[in-house]
């Protein structure tokens, strides 16, 4: 059970098909994305770099979200995006 006095943050790696960039940060209980540090998320060039970045910040599991540019252009809902928990 989550405590309502503490904000819930979950690590996430966002990948967009056909690109070689990954966005790393956290999402809150309202699915708002923020960086691990103040400001925007970290952009890295591979899933290996993304996992290493999280491990260096003492985070050992994360959601991996896969999106496609087509879904973004057509306005697919967030519920249709693929998400999987991975170990870092």
C-alpha atoms as a PDB file:
ATOM      1  CA  UNK A   1       0.000   0.000   0.000  1.00  0.00           C
ATOM      2  CA  UNK A   2       1.346   3.412  -0.955  1.00  0.00           C
ATOM      3  CA  UNK A   3       1.520   6.186   1.574  1.00  0.00           C
ATOM      4  CA  UNK A   4      -0.343   9.287   0.459  1.00  0.00           C
ATOM      5  CA  UNK A   5       2.234  11.536   2.161  1.00  0.00           C
ATOM      6  CA  UNK A   6       5.081  10.445  -0.138  1.00  0.00           C
ATOM      7  CA  UNK A   7       5.062  11.076  -3.886  1.00  0.00           C
ATOM      8  CA  UNK A   8       5.236   7.897  -5.962  1.00  0.00           C
ATOM      9  CA  UNK A   9       8.013   7.983  -8.575  1.00  0.00           C
ATOM     10  CA  UNK A  10       8.929   5.151 -10.922  1.00  0.00           C
ATOM     11  CA  UNK A  11      12.000   4.999 -13.158  1.00  0.00           C
ATOM     12  CA  UNK A  12      11.281   4.841 -16.885  1.00  0.00           C
ATOM     13  CA  UNK A  13      13.214   4.501 -20.135  1.00  0.00           C
ATOM     14  CA  UNK A  14      11.311   5.804 -23.155  1.00  0.00           C
ATOM     15  CA  UNK A  15      12.297   4.530 -26.596  1.00  0.00           C
ATOM     16  CA  UNK A  16      10.824   5.645 -29.911  1.00  0.00           C
ATOM     17  CA  UNK A  17      11.019   3.170 -32.785  1.00  0.00           C
ATOM     18  CA  UNK A  18      13.445   4.010 -35.611  1.00  0.00           C
ATOM     19  CA  UNK A  19      15.593   6.295 -33.441  1.00  0.00           C
ATOM     20  CA  UNK A  20      18.769   5.638 -31.534  1.00  0.00           C
ATOM     21  CA  UNK A  21      17.944   7.815 -28.530  1.00  0.00           C
ATOM     22  CA  UNK A  22      16.441   6.858 -25.197  1.00  0.00           C
ATOM     23  CA  UNK A  23      14.928   9.256 -22.662  1.00  0.00           C
ATOM     24  CA  UNK A  24      15.590   8.319 -19.023  1.00  0.00           C
ATOM     25  CA  UNK A  25      13.765   9.741 -16.021  1.00  0.00           C
ATOM     26  CA  UNK A  26      10.869   9.020 -13.686  1.00  0.00           C
ATOM     27  CA  UNK A  27       7.088   9.198 -13.884  1.00  0.00           C
ATOM     28  CA  UNK A  28       4.819  10.141 -11.000  1.00  0.00           C
ATOM     29  CA  UNK A  29       1.452   8.649 -10.083  1.00  0.00           C
ATOM     30  CA  UNK A  30      -0.210  10.956 -12.653  1.00  0.00           C
ATOM     31  CA  UNK A  31       2.165   9.706 -15.394  1.00  0.00           C
ATOM     32  CA  UNK A  32       4.043  13.038 -15.543  1.00  0.00           C
ATOM     33  CA  UNK A  33       7.630  12.593 -16.760  1.00  0.00           C
ATOM     34  CA  UNK A  34      10.521  14.354 -14.997  1.00  0.00           C
ATOM     35  CA  UNK A  35      14.278  13.876 -14.899  1.00  0.00           C
ATOM     36  CA  UNK A  36      16.092  12.123 -12.071  1.00  0.00           C
ATOM     37  CA  UNK A  37      17.795  15.387 -11.292  1.00  0.00           C
ATOM     38  CA  UNK A  38      16.251  18.841 -11.512  1.00  0.00           C
ATOM     39  CA  UNK A  39      15.151  19.610 -15.058  1.00  0.00           C
ATOM     40  CA  UNK A  40      14.548  17.386 -18.044  1.00  0.00           C
ATOM     41  CA  UNK A  41      15.343  13.719 -18.519  1.00  0.00           C
ATOM     42  CA  UNK A  42      18.668  12.315 -19.632  1.00  0.00           C
ATOM     43  CA  UNK A  43      19.034  11.450 -23.335  1.00  0.00           C
ATOM     44  CA  UNK A  44      21.338   8.502 -24.063  1.00  0.00           C
ATOM     45  CA  UNK A  45      22.289   6.590 -27.197  1.00  0.00           C
ATOM     46  CA  UNK A  46      21.484   3.000 -26.220  1.00  0.00           C
ATOM     47  CA  UNK A  47      19.494   0.853 -23.834  1.00  0.00           C
ATOM     48  CA  UNK A  48      22.803  -0.233 -22.266  1.00  0.00           C
ATOM     49  CA  UNK A  49      23.665   3.413 -21.506  1.00  0.00           C
ATOM     50  CA  UNK A  50      20.175   3.996 -20.103  1.00  0.00           C
ATOM     51  CA  UNK A  51      20.487   1.039 -17.728  1.00  0.00           C
ATOM     52  CA  UNK A  52      23.982   2.125 -16.649  1.00  0.00           C
ATOM     53  CA  UNK A  53      22.707   5.662 -15.971  1.00  0.00           C
ATOM     54  CA  UNK A  54      19.975   4.271 -13.714  1.00  0.00           C
ATOM     55  CA  UNK A  55      22.381   1.899 -11.919  1.00  0.00           C
ATOM     56  CA  UNK A  56      24.741   4.834 -11.287  1.00  0.00           C
ATOM     57  CA  UNK A  57      21.784   6.523  -9.561  1.00  0.00           C
ATOM     58  CA  UNK A  58      21.046   3.413  -7.433  1.00  0.00           C
ATOM     59  CA  UNK A  59      17.993   2.391  -9.472  1.00  0.00           C
ATOM     60  CA  UNK A  60      17.926  -1.274 -10.421  1.00  0.00           C
ATOM     61  CA  UNK A  61      14.613  -1.717 -12.253  1.00  0.00           C
ATOM     62  CA  UNK A  62      12.601   0.505 -14.556  1.00  0.00           C
ATOM     63  CA  UNK A  63       9.709   0.566 -16.967  1.00  0.00           C
ATOM     64  CA  UNK A  64      10.722   0.333 -20.614  1.00  0.00           C
ATOM     65  CA  UNK A  65       8.170   2.155 -22.773  1.00  0.00           C
ATOM     66  CA  UNK A  66       8.262   1.618 -26.523  1.00  0.00           C
ATOM     67  CA  UNK A  67       6.526   4.184 -28.708  1.00  0.00           C
ATOM     68  CA  UNK A  68       6.430   4.659 -32.451  1.00  0.00           C
ATOM     69  CA  UNK A  69       6.479   7.882 -34.409  1.00  0.00           C
ATOM     70  CA  UNK A  70       3.329   6.671 -36.194  1.00  0.00           C
ATOM     71  CA  UNK A  71       1.470   6.439 -32.869  1.00  0.00           C
ATOM     72  CA  UNK A  72       2.598   9.955 -31.968  1.00  0.00           C
ATOM     73  CA  UNK A  73       1.439  11.377 -35.332  1.00  0.00           C
ATOM     74  CA  UNK A  74      -1.919   9.594 -35.185  1.00  0.00           C
ATOM     75  CA  UNK A  75      -2.575  10.493 -31.572  1.00  0.00           C
ATOM     76  CA  UNK A  76      -2.736   6.985 -30.141  1.00  0.00           C
ATOM     77  CA  UNK A  77      -3.689   6.928 -26.492  1.00  0.00           C
ATOM     78  CA  UNK A  78      -1.037   6.233 -23.883  1.00  0.00           C
ATOM     79  CA  UNK A  79      -2.842   3.020 -22.986  1.00  0.00           C
ATOM     80  CA  UNK A  80      -1.839   1.508 -26.349  1.00  0.00           C
ATOM     81  CA  UNK A  81       1.888   1.973 -25.728  1.00  0.00           C
ATOM     82  CA  UNK A  82       4.008  -1.039 -24.865  1.00  0.00           C
ATOM     83  CA  UNK A  83       5.507  -1.089 -21.348  1.00  0.00           C
ATOM     84  CA  UNK A  84       7.592  -3.755 -19.658  1.00  0.00           C
ATOM     85  CA  UNK A  85       9.493  -3.829 -16.368  1.00  0.00           C
ATOM     86  CA  UNK A  86      13.207  -4.486 -16.896  1.00  0.00           C
ATOM     87  CA  UNK A  87      16.167  -4.975 -14.583  1.00  0.00           C
ATOM     88  CA  UNK A  88      19.005  -2.509 -14.814  1.00  0.00           C
END
